[in-house]
Amino acid sequence: ASPYYGPAMQITKLIVSDNILIIGDKIFGRNNGYQTSISVLEVPASVENIPAVFYNKSTLKEINVEEGGERYSSYNGVLYNGDKTVLIKCPRSAEASEYKITDETTTVSSAAFEGTGHKGIYFPAGIKIIGKDVFNPNLKIIYGYKGTVAETYANEHGFGFVSLGEFSEQPPVTTKPSVTTAKPPVTTPSVTTAKPPVTTPSVTTAKPPVTTPSVTTAKPP
């Protein structure tokens, strides 16, 4: 895209087209003594470069990146790298008085909250690095976990610290899955009850006696 050299514009919401990969560092900078103001910036997932001069505009309230971007992402209007491990920049005119950094974040870039009006910032337990000149003079309280970088930073820079709890680096306890050993089925032996033999009573049929007829032989007189 070509740089804009016309008079200053006041843009409520600027939506960057999907076919844009790189935003030039002067496209919305100072032009002939004028400065274009932008309140909300909508960025597609395809964008590979957002220059600091662009997101440092004093009028910017939100930066929203389409989900799925490899280089950039956003959370509640704040710019992060692709996997949210690095907080890059909070817009200077963000309206919230407090902000909660994502749980995935381990690094907050230098000047990330410079010029904002936040009174309190919530840090995750896993924060490792906080850059230089991160916060504005309005910041009063840092919320974080005892024993972490957040507490150390608050103490060294004169900010109030409110503990969100104790931080433990012990790995989470993993519950071992219960292993059930299959027992062989109990086989009940079959019991055969011997039945008494069936006795068939013998039947005797009485035969009639054989009668031999008597023969009388007549003797001659």
C-alpha atoms as a PDB file:
ATOM      1  CA  ALA A   1       0.000   0.000   0.000  1.00  0.00           C
ATOM      2  CA  SER A   2       1.196   3.530  -0.742  1.00  0.00           C
ATOM      3  CA  PRO A   3       1.841   6.019   2.097  1.00  0.00           C
ATOM      4  CA  TYR A   4      -0.896   8.533   2.825  1.00  0.00           C
ATOM      5  CA  TYR A   5       0.240  12.155   2.525  1.00  0.00           C
ATOM      6  CA  GLY A   6      -3.087  13.934   2.795  1.00  0.00           C
ATOM      7  CA  PRO A   7      -4.525  15.846   5.733  1.00  0.00           C
ATOM      8  CA  ALA A   8      -5.032  14.137   9.063  1.00  0.00           C
ATOM      9  CA  MET A   9      -7.899  11.673   9.313  1.00  0.00           C
ATOM     10  CA  GLN A  10      -9.785  10.427  12.337  1.00  0.00           C
ATOM     11  CA  ILE A  11     -10.457   6.721  11.848  1.00  0.00           C
ATOM     12  CA  THR A  12     -12.733   4.996  14.352  1.00  0.00           C
ATOM     13  CA  LYS A  13     -11.907   1.488  13.174  1.00  0.00           C
ATOM     14  CA  LEU A  14      -9.330   0.455  10.618  1.00  0.00           C
ATOM     15  CA  ILE A  15      -9.767  -3.044   9.184  1.00  0.00           C
ATOM     16  CA  VAL A  16      -6.692  -4.321   7.386  1.00  0.00           C
ATOM     17  CA  SER A  17      -7.538  -6.418   4.329  1.00  0.00           C
ATOM     18  CA  ASP A  18      -6.790 -10.145   4.280  1.00  0.00           C
ATOM     19  CA  ASN A  19      -4.348  -9.763   1.398  1.00  0.00           C
ATOM     20  CA  ILE A  20      -2.029  -7.474   3.383  1.00  0.00           C
ATOM     21  CA  LEU A  21       1.082  -9.152   4.767  1.00  0.00           C
ATOM     22  CA  ILE A  22       3.219  -6.170   5.827  1.00  0.00           C
ATOM     23  CA  ILE A  23       2.176  -2.751   7.139  1.00  0.00           C
ATOM     24  CA  GLY A  24       4.739  -0.049   6.343  1.00  0.00           C
ATOM     25  CA  ASP A  25       6.240   1.975   9.164  1.00  0.00           C
ATOM     26  CA  LYS A  26       5.145   5.335   7.710  1.00  0.00           C
ATOM     27  CA  ILE A  27       1.781   4.599   6.182  1.00  0.00           C
ATOM     28  CA  PHE A  28      -0.083   6.263   9.061  1.00  0.00           C
ATOM     29  CA  GLY A  29       2.729   8.292  10.599  1.00  0.00           C
ATOM     30  CA  ARG A  30       3.230  12.059  10.407  1.00  0.00           C
ATOM     31  CA  ASN A  31       2.410  13.455   6.995  1.00  0.00           C
ATOM     32  CA  ASN A  32       3.090  17.121   6.223  1.00  0.00           C
ATOM     33  CA  GLY A  33       2.663  18.027   9.877  1.00  0.00           C
ATOM     34  CA  TYR A  34      -0.505  16.011  10.268  1.00  0.00           C
ATOM     35  CA  GLN A  35      -1.140  12.740  12.040  1.00  0.00           C
ATOM     36  CA  THR A  36      -3.873  10.257  11.292  1.00  0.00           C
ATOM     37  CA  SER A  37      -5.626   9.017  14.408  1.00  0.00           C
ATOM     38  CA  ILE A  38      -6.964   5.468  14.775  1.00  0.00           C
ATOM     39  CA  SER A  39      -9.070   4.160  17.648  1.00  0.00           C
ATOM     40  CA  VAL A  40      -9.390   0.452  16.825  1.00  0.00           C
ATOM     41  CA  LEU A  41      -7.118  -1.642  14.627  1.00  0.00           C
ATOM     42  CA  GLU A  42      -8.375  -4.939  13.165  1.00  0.00           C
ATOM     43  CA  VAL A  43      -5.569  -7.107  11.789  1.00  0.00           C
ATOM     44  CA  PRO A  44      -5.919 -10.340   9.761  1.00  0.00           C
ATOM     45  CA  ALA A  45      -4.083 -13.507  10.743  1.00  0.00           C
ATOM     46  CA  SER A  46      -1.958 -13.208   7.597  1.00  0.00           C
ATOM     47  CA  VAL A  47      -0.083 -10.056   8.707  1.00  0.00           C
ATOM     48  CA  GLU A  48       3.614 -10.684   9.296  1.00  0.00           C
ATOM     49  CA  ASN A  49       4.743  -7.253  10.451  1.00  0.00           C
ATOM     50  CA  ILE A  50       3.172  -4.438  12.481  1.00  0.00           C
ATOM     51  CA  PRO A  51       5.687  -1.609  13.016  1.00  0.00           C
ATOM     52  CA  ALA A  52       5.996  -0.022  16.438  1.00  0.00           C
ATOM     53  CA  VAL A  53       5.247   3.447  15.079  1.00  0.00           C
ATOM     54  CA  PHE A  54       1.865   2.095  14.083  1.00  0.00           C
ATOM     55  CA  TYR A  55       0.717   0.568  17.375  1.00  0.00           C
ATOM     56  CA  ASN A  56       2.271   3.341  19.454  1.00  0.00           C
ATOM     57  CA  LYS A  57      -0.291   5.897  18.301  1.00  0.00           C
ATOM     58  CA  SER A  58      -1.641   7.849  21.249  1.00  0.00           C
ATOM     59  CA  THR A  59      -5.221   7.532  20.019  1.00  0.00           C
ATOM     60  CA  LEU A  60      -5.232   3.738  19.718  1.00  0.00           C
ATOM     61  CA  LYS A  61      -7.589   1.939  22.118  1.00  0.00           C
ATOM     62  CA  GLU A  62      -7.630  -1.628  20.823  1.00  0.00           C
ATOM     63  CA  ILE A  63      -5.586  -3.947  18.646  1.00  0.00           C
ATOM     64  CA  ASN A  64      -7.502  -7.041  17.594  1.00  0.00           C
ATOM     65  CA  VAL A  65      -5.840  -9.816  15.613  1.00  0.00           C
ATOM     66  CA  GLU A  66      -7.813 -12.493  13.812  1.00  0.00           C
ATOM     67  CA  GLU A  67      -7.447 -15.932  15.414  1.00  0.00           C
ATOM     68  CA  GLY A  68      -5.016 -18.350  13.819  1.00  0.00           C
ATOM     69  CA  GLY A  69      -2.146 -15.933  13.173  1.00  0.00           C
ATOM     70  CA  GLU A  70       1.367 -17.331  13.475  1.00  0.00           C
ATOM     71  CA  ARG A  71       3.152 -14.011  14.044  1.00  0.00           C
ATOM     72  CA  TYR A  72       0.625 -12.039  16.094  1.00  0.00           C
ATOM     73  CA  SER A  73      -2.379 -12.559  18.344  1.00  0.00           C
ATOM     74  CA  SER A  74      -4.379 -10.435  20.760  1.00  0.00           C
ATOM     75  CA  TYR A  75      -6.242 -10.659  24.040  1.00  0.00           C
ATOM     76  CA  ASN A  76      -8.715  -8.041  25.252  1.00  0.00           C
ATOM     77  CA  GLY A  77      -7.361  -5.491  22.791  1.00  0.00           C
ATOM     78  CA  VAL A  78      -3.663  -5.988  23.628  1.00  0.00           C
ATOM     79  CA  LEU A  79      -1.061  -7.179  21.100  1.00  0.00           C
ATOM     80  CA  TYR A  80       0.870 -10.433  21.694  1.00  0.00           C
ATOM     81  CA  ASN A  81       3.063 -12.698  19.630  1.00  0.00           C
ATOM     82  CA  GLY A  82       1.480 -15.721  17.960  1.00  0.00           C
ATOM     83  CA  ASP A  83       1.316 -18.047  20.972  1.00  0.00           C
ATOM     84  CA  LYS A  84       0.786 -15.281  23.557  1.00  0.00           C
ATOM     85  CA  THR A  85       4.054 -16.004  25.355  1.00  0.00           C
ATOM     86  CA  VAL A  86       5.189 -12.411  24.749  1.00  0.00           C
ATOM     87  CA  LEU A  87       3.072  -9.320  25.459  1.00  0.00           C
ATOM     88  CA  ILE A  88       4.190  -6.786  22.840  1.00  0.00           C
ATOM     89  CA  LYS A  89       2.104  -3.667  23.344  1.00  0.00           C
ATOM     90  CA  CYS A  90      -0.956  -2.372  25.116  1.00  0.00           C
ATOM     91  CA  PRO A  91      -2.566   0.561  23.254  1.00  0.00           C
ATOM     92  CA  ARG A  92      -1.919   3.898  24.930  1.00  0.00           C
ATOM     93  CA  SER A  93      -5.576   4.872  25.072  1.00  0.00           C
ATOM     94  CA  ALA A  94      -6.879   1.543  26.403  1.00  0.00           C
ATOM     95  CA  GLU A  95      -9.891   2.402  28.520  1.00  0.00           C
ATOM     96  CA  ALA A  96      -9.681  -0.263  31.231  1.00  0.00           C
ATOM     97  CA  SER A  97      -8.161   0.737  34.578  1.00  0.00           C
ATOM     98  CA  GLU A  98      -6.799  -2.782  35.140  1.00  0.00           C
ATOM     99  CA  TYR A  99      -5.542  -5.505  32.861  1.00  0.00           C
ATOM    100  CA  LYS A 100      -5.005  -9.245  33.322  1.00  0.00           C
ATOM    101  CA  ILE A 101      -2.087 -10.700  31.351  1.00  0.00           C
ATOM    102  CA  THR A 102      -2.749 -14.130  29.840  1.00  0.00           C
ATOM    103  CA  ASP A 103      -1.649 -17.262  31.683  1.00  0.00           C
ATOM    104  CA  GLU A 104       0.585 -18.297  28.767  1.00  0.00           C
ATOM    105  CA  THR A 105       2.691 -15.137  28.947  1.00  0.00           C
ATOM    106  CA  THR A 106       6.282 -15.419  30.142  1.00  0.00           C
ATOM    107  CA  THR A 107       7.659 -12.086  28.840  1.00  0.00           C
ATOM    108  CA  VAL A 108       6.417  -8.495  28.919  1.00  0.00           C
ATOM    109  CA  SER A 109       8.247  -6.329  26.379  1.00  0.00           C
ATOM    110  CA  SER A 110       9.910  -3.037  27.284  1.00  0.00           C
ATOM    111  CA  ALA A 111       7.510  -0.079  27.292  1.00  0.00           C
ATOM    112  CA  ALA A 112       4.570  -2.442  26.824  1.00  0.00           C
ATOM    113  CA  PHE A 113       2.278  -0.341  29.038  1.00  0.00           C
ATOM    114  CA  GLU A 114       4.024   2.999  28.516  1.00  0.00           C
ATOM    115  CA  GLY A 115       1.585   5.889  28.255  1.00  0.00           C
ATOM    116  CA  THR A 116      -1.469   3.894  29.361  1.00  0.00           C
ATOM    117  CA  GLY A 117      -3.739   4.790  32.237  1.00  0.00           C
ATOM    118  CA  HIS A 118      -3.800   1.448  34.010  1.00  0.00           C
ATOM    119  CA  LYS A 119      -3.845   1.474  37.791  1.00  0.00           C
ATOM    120  CA  GLY A 120      -3.315  -2.261  38.263  1.00  0.00           C
ATOM    121  CA  ILE A 121      -1.834  -5.160  36.300  1.00  0.00           C
ATOM    122  CA  TYR A 122      -2.382  -8.873  36.987  1.00  0.00           C
ATOM    123  CA  PHE A 123       0.596 -11.128  36.285  1.00  0.00           C
ATOM    124  CA  PRO A 124       0.464 -14.911  35.734  1.00  0.00           C
ATOM    125  CA  ALA A 125       2.511 -17.278  37.876  1.00  0.00           C
ATOM    126  CA  GLY A 126       4.792 -18.214  34.985  1.00  0.00           C
ATOM    127  CA  ILE A 127       6.100 -14.716  34.204  1.00  0.00           C
ATOM    128  CA  LYS A 128       9.893 -14.784  33.661  1.00  0.00           C
ATOM    129  CA  ILE A 129      10.928 -11.455  32.092  1.00  0.00           C
ATOM    130  CA  ILE A 130       9.649  -7.888  32.540  1.00  0.00           C
ATOM    131  CA  GLY A 131      11.348  -5.399  30.242  1.00  0.00           C
ATOM    132  CA  LYS A 132      12.525  -1.846  30.898  1.00  0.00           C
ATOM    133  CA  ASP A 133      10.191   1.103  31.411  1.00  0.00           C
ATOM    134  CA  VAL A 134       7.197  -1.168  31.072  1.00  0.00           C
ATOM    135  CA  PHE A 135       4.668   0.849  33.049  1.00  0.00           C
ATOM    136  CA  ASN A 136       3.286   4.338  33.207  1.00  0.00           C
ATOM    137  CA  PRO A 137       3.546   6.539  36.320  1.00  0.00           C
ATOM    138  CA  ASN A 138      -0.161   5.964  36.991  1.00  0.00           C
ATOM    139  CA  LEU A 139       0.368   2.320  37.906  1.00  0.00           C
ATOM    140  CA  LYS A 140      -0.238   1.697  41.604  1.00  0.00           C
ATOM    141  CA  ILE A 141      -0.549  -2.046  42.132  1.00  0.00           C
ATOM    142  CA  ILE A 142       0.952  -5.193  40.677  1.00  0.00           C
ATOM    143  CA  TYR A 143      -1.046  -8.359  41.338  1.00  0.00           C
ATOM    144  CA  GLY A 144       1.006 -11.536  41.240  1.00  0.00           C
ATOM    145  CA  TYR A 145       2.270 -14.633  43.029  1.00  0.00           C
ATOM    146  CA  LYS A 146       4.714 -14.557  45.908  1.00  0.00           C
ATOM    147  CA  GLY A 147       8.240 -15.547  44.999  1.00  0.00           C
ATOM    148  CA  THR A 148       7.872 -14.679  41.309  1.00  0.00           C
ATOM    149  CA  VAL A 149       9.407 -12.028  39.066  1.00  0.00           C
ATOM    150  CA  ALA A 150       6.259  -9.928  39.515  1.00  0.00           C
ATOM    151  CA  GLU A 151       6.861  -9.519  43.254  1.00  0.00           C
ATOM    152  CA  THR A 152      10.552  -8.738  42.734  1.00  0.00           C
ATOM    153  CA  TYR A 153       9.737  -6.126  40.088  1.00  0.00           C
ATOM    154  CA  ALA A 154       7.140  -4.431  42.309  1.00  0.00           C
ATOM    155  CA  ASN A 155       9.543  -4.210  45.219  1.00  0.00           C
ATOM    156  CA  GLU A 156      12.411  -2.876  43.107  1.00  0.00           C
ATOM    157  CA  HIS A 157      10.328  -0.208  41.368  1.00  0.00           C
ATOM    158  CA  GLY A 158       8.210   0.990  44.273  1.00  0.00           C
ATOM    159  CA  PHE A 159       4.846  -0.416  43.199  1.00  0.00           C
ATOM    160  CA  GLY A 160       2.346  -1.914  45.596  1.00  0.00           C
ATOM    161  CA  PHE A 161       2.170  -5.692  45.478  1.00  0.00           C
ATOM    162  CA  VAL A 162      -0.929  -7.779  46.130  1.00  0.00           C
ATOM    163  CA  SER A 163      -0.371 -11.511  46.415  1.00  0.00           C
ATOM    164  CA  LEU A 164      -2.597 -13.867  44.461  1.00  0.00           C
ATOM    165  CA  GLY A 165      -1.175 -16.842  46.356  1.00  0.00           C
ATOM    166  CA  GLU A 166       1.949 -18.895  46.745  1.00  0.00           C
ATOM    167  CA  PHE A 167       3.815 -20.005  43.643  1.00  0.00           C
ATOM    168  CA  SER A 168       5.076 -23.573  43.491  1.00  0.00           C
ATOM    169  CA  GLU A 169       7.319 -24.889  40.758  1.00  0.00           C
ATOM    170  CA  GLN A 170       6.514 -28.459  41.654  1.00  0.00           C
ATOM    171  CA  PRO A 171       5.014 -30.362  38.755  1.00  0.00           C
ATOM    172  CA  PRO A 172       1.353 -31.156  39.070  1.00  0.00           C
ATOM    173  CA  VAL A 173       0.515 -34.455  40.695  1.00  0.00           C
ATOM    174  CA  THR A 174      -0.504 -36.938  38.101  1.00  0.00           C
ATOM    175  CA  THR A 175      -3.017 -39.487  39.209  1.00  0.00           C
ATOM    176  CA  LYS A 176      -1.999 -42.914  38.029  1.00  0.00           C
ATOM    177  CA  PRO A 177      -4.746 -44.651  36.166  1.00  0.00           C
ATOM    178  CA  SER A 178      -6.139 -47.608  38.024  1.00  0.00           C
ATOM    179  CA  VAL A 179      -5.134 -50.871  36.423  1.00  0.00           C
ATOM    180  CA  THR A 180      -7.676 -53.601  36.667  1.00  0.00           C
ATOM    181  CA  THR A 181      -6.326 -57.129  36.259  1.00  0.00           C
ATOM    182  CA  ALA A 182      -8.843 -59.341  34.666  1.00  0.00           C
ATOM    183  CA  LYS A 183      -9.391 -62.376  36.816  1.00  0.00           C
ATOM    184  CA  PRO A 184     -10.177 -65.663  35.126  1.00  0.00           C
ATOM    185  CA  PRO A 185     -13.790 -66.588  35.499  1.00  0.00           C
ATOM    186  CA  VAL A 186     -14.526 -68.908  38.373  1.00  0.00           C
ATOM    187  CA  THR A 187     -15.737 -72.193  36.981  1.00  0.00           C
ATOM    188  CA  THR A 188     -18.115 -74.071  39.210  1.00  0.00           C
ATOM    189  CA  PRO A 189     -17.653 -77.803  38.663  1.00  0.00           C
ATOM    190  CA  SER A 190     -20.799 -79.462  37.592  1.00  0.00           C
ATOM    191  CA  VAL A 191     -22.095 -81.917  40.161  1.00  0.00           C
ATOM    192  CA  THR A 192     -23.959 -84.914  38.842  1.00  0.00           C
ATOM    193  CA  THR A 193     -26.201 -86.591  41.336  1.00  0.00           C
ATOM    194  CA  ALA A 194     -26.323 -90.302  40.763  1.00  0.00           C
ATOM    195  CA  LYS A 195     -29.857 -91.392  40.434  1.00  0.00           C
ATOM    196  CA  PRO A 196     -30.717 -94.788  41.842  1.00  0.00           C
ATOM    197  CA  PRO A 197     -31.319 -97.346  39.115  1.00  0.00           C
ATOM    198  CA  VAL A 198     -34.893 -97.861  38.251  1.00  0.00           C
ATOM    199  CA  THR A 199     -35.830-101.414  39.311  1.00  0.00           C
ATOM    200  CA  THR A 200     -38.535-102.972  37.260  1.00  0.00           C
ATOM    201  CA  PRO A 201     -40.397-105.471  39.436  1.00  0.00           C
ATOM    202  CA  SER A 202     -40.387-108.901  37.916  1.00  0.00           C
ATOM    203  CA  VAL A 203     -43.853-110.111  37.146  1.00  0.00           C
ATOM    204  CA  THR A 204     -44.392-113.873  37.445  1.00  0.00           C
ATOM    205  CA  THR A 205     -47.378-115.198  35.637  1.00  0.00           C
ATOM    206  CA  ALA A 206     -48.825-118.220  37.340  1.00  0.00           C
ATOM    207  CA  LYS A 207     -49.212-120.957  34.860  1.00  0.00           C
ATOM    208  CA  PRO A 208     -52.178-123.286  35.412  1.00  0.00           C
ATOM    209  CA  PRO A 209     -51.099-126.789  36.462  1.00  0.00           C
ATOM    210  CA  VAL A 210     -51.006-129.292  33.672  1.00  0.00           C
ATOM    211  CA  THR A 211     -53.604-131.917  34.396  1.00  0.00           C
ATOM    212  CA  THR A 212     -52.924-135.315  32.927  1.00  0.00           C
ATOM    213  CA  PRO A 213     -56.210-137.067  32.314  1.00  0.00           C
ATOM    214  CA  SER A 214     -56.405-140.462  33.977  1.00  0.00           C
ATOM    215  CA  VAL A 215     -56.984-143.324  31.594  1.00  0.00           C
ATOM    216  CA  THR A 216     -58.763-146.339  32.913  1.00  0.00           C
ATOM    217  CA  THR A 217     -58.326-149.559  31.002  1.00  0.00           C
ATOM    218  CA  ALA A 218     -61.344-151.902  31.214  1.00  0.00           C
ATOM    219  CA  LYS A 219     -60.399-155.278  32.181  1.00  0.00           C
ATOM    220  CA  PRO A 220     -62.350-158.178  30.515  1.00  0.00           C
ATOM    221  CA  PRO A 221     -64.798-159.907  32.750  1.00  0.00           C
END
